[in-house]
């Protein structure tokens, strides 16, 4: 499994969230969630979770393990 920080734009499924990070759970980023990478160039990533667009820092994105 790769981290979300390494992914190109596209839709992925969250398989694991490393550590106990309440912030990710508050954002509804939990195992089984579909997450779409909208922008992953420089700076924070832009992702879509459900109907919400979120900016996520790369350190936080590295804790989210996803598969296609």
C-alpha atoms as a PDB file:
ATOM      1  CA  UNK A   1       0.000   0.000   0.000  1.00  0.00           C
ATOM      2  CA  UNK A   2       1.147   3.497  -0.778  1.00  0.00           C
ATOM      3  CA  UNK A   3       0.425   6.709   1.048  1.00  0.00           C
ATOM      4  CA  UNK A   4      -1.997   9.250  -0.332  1.00  0.00           C
ATOM      5  CA  UNK A   5       0.864  11.774  -0.598  1.00  0.00           C
ATOM      6  CA  UNK A   6       2.416   9.683  -3.412  1.00  0.00           C
ATOM      7  CA  UNK A   7      -0.712   9.450  -5.561  1.00  0.00           C
ATOM      8  CA  UNK A   8      -1.617  11.253  -8.778  1.00  0.00           C
ATOM      9  CA  UNK A   9      -5.099  12.690  -9.342  1.00  0.00           C
ATOM     10  CA  UNK A  10      -7.689   9.930  -9.296  1.00  0.00           C
ATOM     11  CA  UNK A  11      -9.982   8.017  -6.952  1.00  0.00           C
ATOM     12  CA  UNK A  12      -8.660   5.665  -4.275  1.00  0.00           C
ATOM     13  CA  UNK A  13      -9.975   3.684  -1.312  1.00  0.00           C
ATOM     14  CA  UNK A  14      -8.560   4.281   2.171  1.00  0.00           C
ATOM     15  CA  UNK A  15      -7.249   0.973   3.554  1.00  0.00           C
ATOM     16  CA  UNK A  16      -5.490   2.163   6.702  1.00  0.00           C
ATOM     17  CA  UNK A  17      -4.944   5.287   8.756  1.00  0.00           C
ATOM     18  CA  UNK A  18      -1.614   5.071  10.590  1.00  0.00           C
ATOM     19  CA  UNK A  19      -1.843   6.159  14.196  1.00  0.00           C
ATOM     20  CA  UNK A  20      -4.786   7.496  16.138  1.00  0.00           C
ATOM     21  CA  UNK A  21      -5.448  10.768  14.383  1.00  0.00           C
ATOM     22  CA  UNK A  22      -8.728  12.272  15.470  1.00  0.00           C
ATOM     23  CA  UNK A  23      -8.443  15.011  12.844  1.00  0.00           C
ATOM     24  CA  UNK A  24      -8.658  12.464  10.013  1.00  0.00           C
ATOM     25  CA  UNK A  25     -11.642  10.765  11.610  1.00  0.00           C
ATOM     26  CA  UNK A  26     -13.330  14.166  12.045  1.00  0.00           C
ATOM     27  CA  UNK A  27     -12.803  14.742   8.300  1.00  0.00           C
ATOM     28  CA  UNK A  28     -14.455  11.338   7.671  1.00  0.00           C
ATOM     29  CA  UNK A  29     -11.216   9.841   6.344  1.00  0.00           C
ATOM     30  CA  UNK A  30     -11.532   6.315   7.694  1.00  0.00           C
ATOM     31  CA  UNK A  31     -10.817   2.853   6.249  1.00  0.00           C
ATOM     32  CA  UNK A  32     -13.217   2.082   3.409  1.00  0.00           C
ATOM     33  CA  UNK A  33     -13.756   5.730   2.421  1.00  0.00           C
ATOM     34  CA  UNK A  34     -13.403   6.706  -1.243  1.00  0.00           C
ATOM     35  CA  UNK A  35     -11.084   9.688  -1.592  1.00  0.00           C
ATOM     36  CA  UNK A  36     -10.343  11.574  -4.812  1.00  0.00           C
ATOM     37  CA  UNK A  37      -7.054  13.402  -5.298  1.00  0.00           C
ATOM     38  CA  UNK A  38      -7.859  16.616  -7.163  1.00  0.00           C
ATOM     39  CA  UNK A  39      -4.452  18.353  -6.924  1.00  0.00           C
ATOM     40  CA  UNK A  40      -1.072  16.991  -5.893  1.00  0.00           C
ATOM     41  CA  UNK A  41       1.664  19.276  -7.182  1.00  0.00           C
ATOM     42  CA  UNK A  42       3.232  21.615  -4.615  1.00  0.00           C
ATOM     43  CA  UNK A  43       2.026  22.617  -1.189  1.00  0.00           C
ATOM     44  CA  UNK A  44      -1.010  21.001   0.395  1.00  0.00           C
ATOM     45  CA  UNK A  45      -2.975  18.392  -1.519  1.00  0.00           C
ATOM     46  CA  UNK A  46      -6.570  19.045  -2.529  1.00  0.00           C
ATOM     47  CA  UNK A  47      -8.803  16.004  -2.075  1.00  0.00           C
ATOM     48  CA  UNK A  48     -12.516  15.314  -2.278  1.00  0.00           C
ATOM     49  CA  UNK A  49     -14.198  13.216   0.407  1.00  0.00           C
ATOM     50  CA  UNK A  50     -17.896  12.816  -0.284  1.00  0.00           C
ATOM     51  CA  UNK A  51     -19.171  16.240  -1.333  1.00  0.00           C
ATOM     52  CA  UNK A  52     -16.397  18.160   0.451  1.00  0.00           C
ATOM     53  CA  UNK A  53     -13.089  19.442  -0.921  1.00  0.00           C
ATOM     54  CA  UNK A  54     -10.280  19.500   1.630  1.00  0.00           C
ATOM     55  CA  UNK A  55      -6.705  20.761   1.720  1.00  0.00           C
ATOM     56  CA  UNK A  56      -4.460  18.240   3.479  1.00  0.00           C
ATOM     57  CA  UNK A  57      -0.827  18.786   4.374  1.00  0.00           C
ATOM     58  CA  UNK A  58       1.663  16.255   3.065  1.00  0.00           C
ATOM     59  CA  UNK A  59       2.649  15.033   6.542  1.00  0.00           C
ATOM     60  CA  UNK A  60      -0.967  14.161   7.252  1.00  0.00           C
ATOM     61  CA  UNK A  61      -1.428  12.626   3.774  1.00  0.00           C
ATOM     62  CA  UNK A  62       1.507  10.264   4.418  1.00  0.00           C
ATOM     63  CA  UNK A  63      -0.490   8.672   7.257  1.00  0.00           C
ATOM     64  CA  UNK A  64      -3.304   7.641   4.904  1.00  0.00           C
ATOM     65  CA  UNK A  65      -2.645   4.340   3.099  1.00  0.00           C
ATOM     66  CA  UNK A  66      -4.717   3.801  -0.040  1.00  0.00           C
ATOM     67  CA  UNK A  67      -5.285   1.374  -2.932  1.00  0.00           C
ATOM     68  CA  UNK A  68      -6.794   1.971  -6.372  1.00  0.00           C
END
